[in-house]
Amino acid sequence: MFYRKSIEQLLLEAGSSGEGHLRRSLTSFNLVALGIGAIIGAGLFSLTGIAAAENAGPAVTISFVLAAVACAFAGLCYAEFASMIPVAGSAYTYSYATMGEFTAWIIGWDLVLEYALGAATVSVSWSRYLLEFLHKYNIALPHQLAVSPWETVKLGDGTIIEGGFINLPAIFIVMLLSLVLMRGTKESATMNNVLVIVKVAVVLVFIALGWSHINPANYEPYIPANTGKFENFGWTGISTGAAVVFFAFIGFDAVSTAAQEAKNPKKGMPIGILGSLVVCTILYVLFAHVMTGLVNYKDFAGDAKPAATAFAQTGYSFLQDGLIIAILAGYTSVILVMLMGQSRVFYTMSKDGLLPSFFSSVHKKFATPWKTNVFFMFFVSIFAGFVPVSDLGHMVSIGTLFAFVLVCIGVLVMRRKLPHAVRPFRTPFVPVVPILGILVCVYLMYSLPFESWIRLFIWMALGIAIYFAYGRKNSKVREVIDEKIAE
């Protein structure tokens, strides 16, 4: 279970091209935009309000800073691996090279939780904003077909939509973007670049116009007193808020899944990972500060579209529709990158024999793992159509934090086992940075609701069963090593 892939083998795979392989078409700008495209989305436009109302109050800005610190530690470790092993697969590939096949499988299975459910979470928020936009023009979709069975949606004018049967708008956007991804990576990146420019412009406009309308009274108290429950306000509420909004930072991890499609990965991957993280952290803190200054944090309870609620207080009602349309565009780029990241992880796992060859089938014309895109089109649609957004967000956060812990451990292991390996980018202050990354991420995992842990254990148990039933028997690395031993 602990057979490892050698660095030489991984680099050989990274240099492969032609039919059956992914095409290198992404520049450093594309990679930074890819990261921003995945980072700025539901975590900012939806979960910020929930974290403020239920966990941190106006101090949700501190929650963002704490989450960013955890991401910075993990991001530095990711950057070293991504420049050293520029292969699709992200943390899965890094774990295979450092801690062996079984750990790699665990992290690969965990990334399914992160990316697939991340895409589902954002698609549900996308659906919420679409309903708000249509409602303003008296266009009402049948609520049975626009809301999942266990959700209640509150629109801007106070209209309440009780649980329906299925969330069809969320399913629609997942299917549409899956088809875009099948068409080609470069085409998808171009679309993402446009959406990212629109999205960043919206955030800047929100901050600029909202700043002069801030009511200082909404910041009193800045850190509400704890209610007696760990997660409700006070400093423990801030840490729980950080764990909740941590979902907003998972995008830089998605950059590493595209390493095999980067033109110059040794230079571009560190720039893409760390550049997108820095840009988004600054925007997040400013955005959260303005949002909680425009509206009292208590008013965001149960509100999955707090940006629209807050912007309504500025008096720029004529820009409200533009804001919602731009947020929809921003969400679209997040879903696109999440679906892309997931397909690349499964593609790599399939190439290693741990999953059926179906998942590594590359389209002859478009050079994309189109069958994997089809599979996740339906898999993600099930969660998008039926599961509440808050439950999805918690599952994604705990899965992401677990992945970050293993990457930080991987850097420590690799520095010990291969101290002289070529590292175009080196994580500074090792072992301090990886150890701090591990400690902060574990603390944030501890801050999440107990139900999130139960779901994580159930998900992992299912993954382990699949590994022993299929992956262990069909591993290509195991097959090669066993042959050498037999000789």
Protein backbone atom coordinates (compact mmCIF):
# COMPACT_ATOMS: atom_id res chain seq x y z
CA MET A 1 0.00 0.00 0.00
CA PHE A 2 3.00 2.27 0.35
CA TYR A 3 4.59 1.90 -3.08
CA ARG A 4 5.67 5.33 -4.33
CA LYS A 5 6.02 6.86 -7.79
CA SER A 6 9.52 8.16 -8.44
CA ILE A 7 10.16 11.79 -9.31
CA GLU A 8 11.77 10.62 -12.56
CA GLN A 9 8.61 8.73 -13.54
CA LEU A 10 6.41 11.73 -12.76
CA LEU A 11 8.60 14.09 -14.78
CA LEU A 12 8.51 11.63 -17.69
CA GLU A 13 4.71 11.71 -17.57
CA ALA A 14 4.77 15.51 -17.38
CA GLY A 15 6.84 15.70 -20.58
CA SER A 16 4.59 13.36 -22.56
CA SER A 17 2.53 14.82 -25.41
CA GLY A 18 0.49 13.80 -28.39
CA GLU A 19 -2.64 11.66 -28.61
CA GLY A 20 -3.95 10.46 -25.27
CA HIS A 21 -2.23 13.29 -23.36
CA LEU A 22 -3.33 16.72 -22.15
CA ARG A 23 -2.25 19.73 -24.21
CA ARG A 24 0.02 22.47 -22.74
CA SER A 25 -1.84 25.72 -23.47
CA LEU A 26 -2.03 27.74 -20.22
CA THR A 27 0.14 30.83 -19.56
CA SER A 28 1.03 32.29 -16.13
CA PHE A 29 -1.79 34.82 -16.58
CA ASN A 30 -4.20 31.98 -17.33
CA LEU A 31 -3.09 30.22 -14.14
CA VAL A 32 -3.53 33.30 -11.94
CA ALA A 33 -6.96 33.88 -13.52
CA LEU A 34 -7.76 30.20 -12.97
CA GLY A 35 -7.01 30.63 -9.27
CA ILE A 36 -9.00 33.86 -8.95
CA GLY A 37 -11.78 32.25 -10.97
CA ALA A 38 -12.09 29.47 -8.41
CA ILE A 39 -11.46 31.54 -5.29
CA ILE A 40 -13.88 34.48 -5.66
CA GLY A 41 -17.32 32.94 -5.62
CA ALA A 42 -19.80 31.40 -3.21
CA GLY A 43 -17.40 31.75 -0.30
CA LEU A 44 -17.46 35.52 -0.69
CA PHE A 45 -20.89 36.25 -2.16
CA SER A 46 -22.85 33.73 -0.04
CA LEU A 47 -21.00 32.18 2.90
CA THR A 48 -19.65 35.53 4.18
CA GLY A 49 -23.12 36.54 5.36
CA ILE A 50 -23.78 33.19 7.02
CA ALA A 51 -20.41 33.24 8.82
CA ALA A 52 -21.08 36.79 10.05
CA ALA A 53 -24.62 36.05 11.25
CA GLU A 54 -23.91 32.72 12.95
CA ASN A 55 -20.23 32.74 13.93
CA ALA A 56 -18.09 35.89 13.91
CA GLY A 57 -20.26 39.00 13.54
CA PRO A 58 -18.39 41.98 11.95
CA ALA A 59 -15.15 40.19 12.92
CA VAL A 60 -15.70 37.91 9.93
CA THR A 61 -12.88 40.02 8.46
CA ILE A 62 -10.57 38.44 11.07
CA SER A 63 -11.97 35.03 10.07
CA PHE A 64 -10.84 35.73 6.51
CA VAL A 65 -7.36 36.71 7.71
CA LEU A 66 -7.06 33.52 9.79
CA ALA A 67 -8.20 31.40 6.86
CA ALA A 68 -5.75 33.21 4.58
CA VAL A 69 -2.87 32.50 6.98
CA ALA A 70 -3.69 28.78 6.86
CA CYS A 71 -3.85 28.99 3.08
CA ALA A 72 -0.53 30.86 2.91
CA PHE A 73 1.28 28.06 4.75
CA ALA A 74 -0.33 25.41 2.59
CA GLY A 75 0.08 27.52 -0.56
CA LEU A 76 3.85 27.75 -0.07
CA CYS A 77 3.99 23.97 0.22
CA TYR A 78 1.79 23.56 -2.86
CA ALA A 79 4.05 25.92 -4.82
CA GLU A 80 7.13 23.81 -4.09
CA PHE A 81 5.43 20.61 -5.21
CA ALA A 82 3.77 22.19 -8.26
CA SER A 83 7.10 23.51 -9.59
CA MET A 84 8.91 20.29 -8.71
CA ILE A 85 6.30 17.82 -10.01
CA PRO A 86 4.33 19.64 -12.77
CA VAL A 87 1.81 16.83 -13.32
CA ALA A 88 -1.99 16.92 -13.26
CA GLY A 89 -3.52 15.60 -10.06
CA SER A 90 -2.62 18.19 -7.41
CA ALA A 91 -2.22 16.81 -3.87
CA TYR A 92 -2.95 13.28 -5.12
CA THR A 93 0.20 13.27 -7.26
CA TYR A 94 2.32 14.84 -4.50
CA SER A 95 1.16 12.23 -1.98
CA TYR A 96 1.94 9.40 -4.42
CA ALA A 97 5.55 10.62 -4.63
CA THR A 98 6.03 11.14 -0.90
CA MET A 99 3.77 8.91 1.21
CA GLY A 100 2.79 6.11 -1.13
CA GLU A 101 -0.16 4.75 -3.03
CA PHE A 102 -2.68 4.29 -0.23
CA THR A 103 -2.22 7.85 1.07
CA ALA A 104 -2.45 9.09 -2.53
CA TRP A 105 -5.73 7.26 -2.95
CA ILE A 106 -7.09 8.78 0.27
CA ILE A 107 -6.20 12.29 -0.85
CA GLY A 108 -7.51 11.69 -4.37
CA TRP A 109 -10.80 10.48 -2.96
CA ASP A 110 -10.84 13.48 -0.64
CA LEU A 111 -10.39 15.81 -3.64
CA VAL A 112 -13.61 14.39 -5.07
CA LEU A 113 -15.27 15.76 -1.96
CA GLU A 114 -13.54 19.10 -2.39
CA TYR A 115 -14.05 19.78 -6.10
CA ALA A 116 -17.26 17.95 -6.94
CA LEU A 117 -19.16 19.20 -3.90
CA GLY A 118 -17.51 22.61 -4.28
CA ALA A 119 -19.02 22.87 -7.76
CA ALA A 120 -22.37 21.74 -6.37
CA THR A 121 -22.25 24.34 -3.58
CA VAL A 122 -21.59 27.20 -5.96
CA SER A 123 -24.23 26.03 -8.41
CA VAL A 124 -26.83 26.18 -5.61
CA SER A 125 -25.78 29.77 -4.84
CA TRP A 126 -25.88 30.54 -8.56
CA SER A 127 -29.46 29.32 -8.58
CA ARG A 128 -30.35 31.56 -5.59
CA TYR A 129 -29.09 34.71 -7.30
CA LEU A 130 -30.86 33.72 -10.52
CA LEU A 131 -34.16 33.37 -8.64
CA GLU A 132 -33.60 36.82 -7.09
CA PHE A 133 -32.95 38.37 -10.49
CA LEU A 134 -35.98 36.77 -12.16
CA HIS A 135 -38.22 37.63 -9.19
CA LYS A 136 -37.49 41.36 -9.67
CA TYR A 137 -39.06 41.08 -13.12
CA ASN A 138 -42.03 39.07 -11.88
CA ILE A 139 -40.72 35.88 -13.49
CA ALA A 140 -41.40 33.08 -11.05
CA LEU A 141 -40.07 29.60 -11.70
CA PRO A 142 -42.22 26.83 -10.15
CA HIS A 143 -40.70 26.54 -6.67
CA GLN A 144 -40.91 22.74 -6.87
CA LEU A 145 -38.34 22.91 -9.69
CA ALA A 146 -36.12 25.68 -8.29
CA VAL A 147 -35.44 24.68 -4.67
CA SER A 148 -34.17 21.44 -3.14
CA PRO A 149 -36.47 19.50 -0.75
CA TRP A 150 -34.68 20.62 2.45
CA GLU A 151 -34.21 24.32 1.76
CA THR A 152 -36.12 27.53 2.37
CA VAL A 153 -35.20 30.52 0.19
CA LYS A 154 -35.80 34.13 1.27
CA LEU A 155 -35.92 36.67 -1.57
CA GLY A 156 -35.00 40.33 -1.31
CA ASP A 157 -38.58 41.57 -0.87
CA GLY A 158 -39.26 39.09 1.95
CA THR A 159 -40.91 36.42 -0.21
CA ILE A 160 -40.33 32.95 1.26
CA ILE A 161 -39.99 29.90 -0.96
CA GLU A 162 -40.35 26.65 0.98
CA GLY A 163 -38.60 23.43 0.02
CA GLY A 164 -39.46 22.09 -3.42
CA PHE A 165 -38.59 18.90 -5.28
CA ILE A 166 -35.39 19.65 -7.24
CA ASN A 167 -33.10 22.61 -8.01
CA LEU A 168 -33.16 22.59 -11.80
CA PRO A 169 -31.28 25.90 -12.35
CA ALA A 170 -28.32 24.51 -10.39
CA ILE A 171 -28.35 21.34 -12.48
CA PHE A 172 -28.58 23.37 -15.70
CA ILE A 173 -25.41 25.40 -15.02
CA VAL A 174 -23.43 22.29 -14.05
CA MET A 175 -24.39 20.55 -17.28
CA LEU A 176 -23.74 23.61 -19.44
CA LEU A 177 -20.22 24.13 -18.09
CA SER A 178 -19.39 20.44 -18.30
CA LEU A 179 -20.11 20.67 -22.03
CA VAL A 180 -17.84 23.74 -22.26
CA LEU A 181 -15.01 21.81 -20.58
CA MET A 182 -15.37 18.95 -23.02
CA ARG A 183 -14.78 21.43 -25.84
CA GLY A 184 -11.20 22.26 -24.78
CA THR A 185 -8.94 23.59 -22.02
CA LYS A 186 -7.77 26.73 -23.83
CA GLU A 187 -11.33 27.66 -24.77
CA SER A 188 -12.42 27.13 -21.16
CA ALA A 189 -9.51 29.29 -19.89
CA THR A 190 -10.43 32.11 -22.29
CA MET A 191 -14.01 32.05 -21.05
CA ASN A 192 -12.73 32.02 -17.46
CA ASN A 193 -10.45 35.03 -18.09
CA VAL A 194 -13.42 37.11 -19.27
CA LEU A 195 -15.56 36.04 -16.30
CA VAL A 196 -12.75 36.80 -13.84
CA ILE A 197 -12.34 40.36 -15.17
CA VAL A 198 -16.09 40.92 -14.74
CA LYS A 199 -16.06 39.40 -11.26
CA VAL A 200 -13.11 41.41 -9.94
CA ALA A 201 -14.69 44.57 -11.36
CA VAL A 202 -17.88 43.82 -9.40
CA VAL A 203 -15.97 43.36 -6.15
CA LEU A 204 -14.10 46.65 -6.68
CA VAL A 205 -17.32 48.53 -7.52
CA PHE A 206 -19.02 47.08 -4.42
CA ILE A 207 -16.12 48.20 -2.20
CA ALA A 208 -15.81 51.65 -3.80
CA LEU A 209 -19.53 52.53 -3.78
CA GLY A 210 -20.31 50.87 -0.47
CA TRP A 211 -17.47 52.43 1.54
CA SER A 212 -19.09 55.87 1.78
CA HIS A 213 -22.38 54.33 3.02
CA ILE A 214 -20.90 52.35 5.91
CA ASN A 215 -22.76 52.82 9.19
CA PRO A 216 -20.16 52.58 12.02
CA ALA A 217 -22.91 51.45 14.42
CA ASN A 218 -23.05 48.14 12.55
CA TYR A 219 -19.56 47.34 13.85
CA GLU A 220 -20.69 47.52 17.50
CA PRO A 221 -19.65 45.21 19.00
CA TYR A 222 -16.96 44.22 16.51
CA ILE A 223 -16.48 40.87 18.26
CA PRO A 224 -19.88 39.88 19.75
CA ALA A 225 -19.77 38.04 23.09
CA ASN A 226 -19.83 34.26 22.90
CA THR A 227 -23.29 32.79 23.53
CA GLY A 228 -21.99 29.74 25.40
CA LYS A 229 -21.60 27.65 22.27
CA PHE A 230 -18.13 27.19 20.78
CA GLU A 231 -19.16 28.29 17.30
CA ASN A 232 -21.34 31.28 18.22
CA PHE A 233 -19.28 34.49 18.38
CA GLY A 234 -16.31 35.44 20.53
CA TRP A 235 -12.84 34.24 19.51
CA THR A 236 -14.04 30.66 19.09
CA GLY A 237 -16.76 31.95 16.77
CA ILE A 238 -14.10 33.73 14.71
CA SER A 239 -12.18 30.46 14.30
CA THR A 240 -15.37 28.64 13.30
CA GLY A 241 -16.10 31.47 10.88
CA ALA A 242 -12.62 30.97 9.42
CA ALA A 243 -13.37 27.28 8.91
CA VAL A 244 -16.67 28.14 7.21
CA VAL A 245 -15.25 30.80 4.86
CA PHE A 246 -12.20 28.62 4.22
CA PHE A 247 -14.33 27.26 1.39
CA ALA A 248 -13.70 30.63 -0.24
CA PHE A 249 -9.97 29.91 -0.58
CA ILE A 250 -9.91 26.50 -2.23
CA GLY A 251 -9.30 27.95 -5.68
CA PHE A 252 -5.51 28.19 -5.47
CA ASP A 253 -5.45 24.42 -4.96
CA ALA A 254 -7.29 24.06 -8.29
CA VAL A 255 -4.38 25.79 -10.06
CA SER A 256 -2.14 22.83 -9.25
CA THR A 257 -4.48 20.40 -11.00
CA ALA A 258 -3.71 22.15 -14.30
CA ALA A 259 0.09 21.76 -14.01
CA GLN A 260 0.24 19.34 -16.93
CA GLU A 261 -1.47 21.90 -19.16
CA ALA A 262 0.78 24.86 -18.24
CA LYS A 263 3.26 26.10 -20.86
CA ASN A 264 5.99 26.79 -18.29
CA PRO A 265 4.88 25.05 -15.07
CA LYS A 266 8.12 25.53 -13.10
CA LYS A 267 7.63 29.30 -13.28
CA GLY A 268 3.89 29.56 -13.79
CA MET A 269 2.64 27.30 -10.99
CA PRO A 270 4.12 29.25 -8.04
CA ILE A 271 2.95 32.52 -9.65
CA GLY A 272 -0.55 31.13 -10.22
CA ILE A 273 -0.92 29.67 -6.73
CA LEU A 274 0.55 32.47 -4.61
CA GLY A 275 -0.52 35.33 -6.89
CA SER A 276 -4.19 34.37 -6.85
CA LEU A 277 -4.08 33.86 -3.07
CA VAL A 278 -2.64 37.34 -2.36
CA VAL A 279 -5.04 39.17 -4.69
CA CYS A 280 -8.11 37.43 -3.32
CA THR A 281 -7.21 37.80 0.36
CA ILE A 282 -6.99 41.61 0.01
CA LEU A 283 -10.31 41.75 -1.85
CA TYR A 284 -12.00 39.43 0.68
CA VAL A 285 -11.11 41.47 3.76
CA LEU A 286 -12.19 44.75 2.14
CA PHE A 287 -15.42 43.22 0.80
CA ALA A 288 -16.38 41.70 4.18
CA HIS A 289 -15.62 44.97 5.97
CA VAL A 290 -17.90 46.95 3.66
CA MET A 291 -20.67 44.32 3.69
CA THR A 292 -20.94 44.17 7.50
CA GLY A 293 -20.73 47.97 7.61
CA LEU A 294 -23.71 48.38 5.30
CA VAL A 295 -26.01 45.90 7.09
CA ASN A 296 -26.08 44.65 10.69
CA TYR A 297 -24.58 41.15 10.79
CA LYS A 298 -27.74 39.71 12.39
CA ASP A 299 -29.73 40.52 9.27
CA PHE A 300 -27.67 38.07 7.22
CA ALA A 301 -29.11 35.03 9.04
CA GLY A 302 -30.24 32.49 6.46
CA ASP A 303 -29.34 34.87 3.62
CA ALA A 304 -27.42 33.11 0.81
CA LYS A 305 -27.17 36.33 -1.22
CA PRO A 306 -25.78 38.86 1.29
CA ALA A 307 -23.97 40.89 -1.35
CA ALA A 308 -27.25 41.86 -2.98
CA THR A 309 -28.83 42.57 0.43
CA ALA A 310 -25.94 44.82 1.46
CA PHE A 311 -25.66 46.64 -1.86
CA ALA A 312 -29.33 47.60 -1.65
CA GLN A 313 -28.38 49.90 1.25
CA THR A 314 -26.15 52.06 -0.97
CA GLY A 315 -29.06 53.62 -2.83
CA TYR A 316 -27.59 52.64 -6.20
CA SER A 317 -30.66 50.59 -7.07
CA PHE A 318 -30.04 51.04 -10.79
CA LEU A 319 -26.83 49.00 -10.38
CA GLN A 320 -28.50 46.18 -8.47
CA ASP A 321 -29.33 44.17 -11.57
CA GLY A 322 -25.82 44.61 -12.91
CA LEU A 323 -24.40 43.38 -9.61
CA ILE A 324 -26.49 40.21 -9.67
CA ILE A 325 -25.64 39.50 -13.32
CA ALA A 326 -21.94 39.95 -12.60
CA ILE A 327 -22.15 37.68 -9.54
CA LEU A 328 -23.82 35.04 -11.70
CA ALA A 329 -20.91 35.39 -14.13
CA GLY A 330 -18.47 35.08 -11.24
CA TYR A 331 -20.13 31.95 -9.93
CA THR A 332 -19.98 30.51 -13.41
CA SER A 333 -16.17 30.75 -13.47
CA VAL A 334 -15.93 29.03 -10.06
CA ILE A 335 -18.05 26.09 -11.17
CA LEU A 336 -16.01 25.86 -14.37
CA VAL A 337 -12.69 25.63 -12.50
CA MET A 338 -14.02 23.20 -9.89
CA LEU A 339 -15.32 20.84 -12.55
CA MET A 340 -12.03 21.13 -14.44
CA GLY A 341 -9.97 20.38 -11.32
CA GLN A 342 -12.00 17.31 -10.46
CA SER A 343 -11.76 15.83 -13.94
CA ARG A 344 -7.95 16.23 -13.91
CA VAL A 345 -7.62 14.42 -10.59
CA PHE A 346 -9.70 11.47 -11.81
CA TYR A 347 -7.79 11.50 -15.12
CA THR A 348 -4.50 11.09 -13.24
CA MET A 349 -5.84 8.40 -10.89
CA SER A 350 -7.13 6.49 -13.89
CA LYS A 351 -3.76 6.76 -15.68
CA ASP A 352 -2.24 5.13 -12.59
CA GLY A 353 -4.73 2.24 -12.80
CA LEU A 354 -6.48 3.09 -9.53
CA LEU A 355 -9.68 3.87 -11.44
CA PRO A 356 -11.06 2.32 -14.66
CA SER A 357 -9.49 3.51 -17.95
CA PHE A 358 -12.84 5.12 -18.77
CA PHE A 359 -11.75 8.16 -16.71
CA SER A 360 -8.48 8.75 -18.60
CA SER A 361 -9.99 8.55 -22.07
CA VAL A 362 -8.91 11.73 -23.95
CA HIS A 363 -10.93 13.15 -26.82
CA LYS A 364 -8.96 12.85 -30.10
CA LYS A 365 -9.88 16.33 -31.30
CA PHE A 366 -10.29 18.40 -28.14
CA ALA A 367 -7.60 16.67 -25.98
CA THR A 368 -9.84 16.72 -22.89
CA PRO A 369 -10.86 13.86 -20.53
CA TRP A 370 -14.39 14.12 -21.84
CA LYS A 371 -15.77 10.91 -20.36
CA THR A 372 -14.78 12.07 -16.90
CA ASN A 373 -16.54 15.37 -17.61
CA VAL A 374 -19.69 13.45 -18.51
CA PHE A 375 -19.49 11.36 -15.33
CA PHE A 376 -19.13 14.40 -13.07
CA MET A 377 -21.78 16.29 -14.98
CA PHE A 378 -24.30 13.80 -13.59
CA PHE A 379 -22.59 13.16 -10.23
CA VAL A 380 -22.39 16.87 -9.30
CA SER A 381 -25.90 17.49 -10.62
CA ILE A 382 -27.34 15.07 -8.04
CA PHE A 383 -25.84 17.04 -5.14
CA ALA A 384 -26.66 20.40 -6.74
CA GLY A 385 -30.28 19.41 -7.22
CA PHE A 386 -31.03 17.99 -3.79
CA VAL A 387 -28.56 19.03 -1.00
CA PRO A 388 -28.75 22.31 1.03
CA VAL A 389 -25.92 24.80 0.44
CA SER A 390 -24.76 25.03 4.08
CA ASP A 391 -24.24 21.25 4.37
CA LEU A 392 -22.32 21.21 1.09
CA GLY A 393 -20.10 24.10 2.20
CA HIS A 394 -19.05 22.40 5.45
CA MET A 395 -18.22 19.15 3.63
CA VAL A 396 -16.07 21.00 1.11
CA SER A 397 -14.20 22.92 3.83
CA ILE A 398 -13.25 19.85 5.86
CA GLY A 399 -12.17 17.99 2.72
CA THR A 400 -9.99 20.91 1.61
CA LEU A 401 -8.35 21.32 5.01
CA PHE A 402 -7.54 17.60 5.10
CA ALA A 403 -5.88 17.88 1.67
CA PHE A 404 -3.80 20.84 2.84
CA VAL A 405 -2.59 18.91 5.91
CA LEU A 406 -1.32 16.06 3.74
CA VAL A 407 0.47 18.44 1.34
CA CYS A 408 2.28 20.12 4.26
CA ILE A 409 3.30 16.70 5.58
CA GLY A 410 4.45 15.77 2.08
CA VAL A 411 6.93 18.67 1.95
CA LEU A 412 8.50 17.52 5.22
CA VAL A 413 8.76 13.94 3.96
CA MET A 414 10.22 14.96 0.58
CA ARG A 415 12.84 17.25 2.14
CA ARG A 416 14.00 14.33 4.26
CA LYS A 417 13.93 11.60 1.58
CA LEU A 418 15.12 13.65 -1.41
CA PRO A 419 17.04 16.63 -0.02
CA HIS A 420 19.01 17.21 -3.24
CA ALA A 421 16.10 17.04 -5.72
CA VAL A 422 15.71 20.02 -8.05
CA ARG A 423 13.20 22.51 -6.61
CA PRO A 424 12.54 25.57 -8.86
CA PHE A 425 10.55 27.01 -5.94
CA ARG A 426 11.46 26.21 -2.33
CA THR A 427 9.07 26.60 0.59
CA PRO A 428 10.82 29.02 2.99
CA PHE A 429 11.56 28.29 6.65
CA VAL A 430 11.12 24.52 6.52
CA PRO A 431 10.10 22.82 8.80
CA VAL A 432 8.42 25.82 10.49
CA VAL A 433 6.05 26.74 7.62
CA PRO A 434 4.74 23.17 6.94
CA ILE A 435 4.29 22.48 10.68
CA LEU A 436 2.36 25.74 11.17
CA GLY A 437 0.26 24.84 8.12
CA ILE A 438 -0.59 21.48 9.66
CA LEU A 439 -1.47 22.95 13.07
CA VAL A 440 -3.67 25.77 11.72
CA CYS A 441 -5.53 23.49 9.28
CA VAL A 442 -6.17 20.85 11.97
CA TYR A 443 -7.45 23.58 14.30
CA LEU A 444 -9.86 24.84 11.64
CA MET A 445 -11.05 21.25 11.01
CA TYR A 446 -11.69 20.97 14.77
CA SER A 447 -13.78 24.15 14.59
CA LEU A 448 -16.23 22.67 12.07
CA PRO A 449 -19.53 21.03 13.20
CA PHE A 450 -19.33 17.41 14.35
CA GLU A 451 -21.65 16.38 11.51
CA SER A 452 -18.92 17.38 9.04
CA TRP A 453 -16.54 14.87 10.65
CA ILE A 454 -19.15 12.11 10.49
CA ARG A 455 -19.72 12.74 6.77
CA LEU A 456 -15.95 12.83 6.14
CA PHE A 457 -15.45 9.44 7.86
CA ILE A 458 -18.35 7.89 5.91
CA TRP A 459 -16.96 9.25 2.63
CA MET A 460 -13.47 7.98 3.42
CA ALA A 461 -14.77 4.55 4.43
CA LEU A 462 -16.49 4.28 1.05
CA GLY A 463 -13.27 5.32 -0.72
CA ILE A 464 -11.14 2.79 1.17
CA ALA A 465 -13.59 0.02 0.22
CA ILE A 466 -13.29 0.97 -3.47
CA TYR A 467 -9.48 1.04 -3.23
CA PHE A 468 -9.25 -2.51 -1.89
CA ALA A 469 -11.94 -3.76 -4.26
CA TYR A 470 -10.43 -2.24 -7.43
CA GLY A 471 -7.51 0.20 -7.14
CA ARG A 472 -5.05 -2.02 -5.25
CA LYS A 473 -5.51 -4.87 -7.72
CA ASN A 474 -5.09 -2.72 -10.84
CA SER A 475 -2.34 -0.30 -9.77
CA LYS A 476 0.19 0.18 -12.58
CA VAL A 477 2.91 1.25 -10.15
CA ARG A 478 2.36 -1.92 -8.12
CA GLU A 479 2.42 -4.01 -11.29
CA VAL A 480 5.83 -2.60 -12.38
CA ILE A 481 7.41 -2.96 -8.92
CA ASP A 482 6.07 -6.50 -8.48
CA GLU A 483 7.57 -7.47 -11.85
CA LYS A 484 10.97 -6.10 -10.79
CA ILE A 485 10.77 -8.01 -7.52
CA ALA A 486 9.86 -11.24 -9.39
CA GLU A 487 12.90 -10.80 -11.65
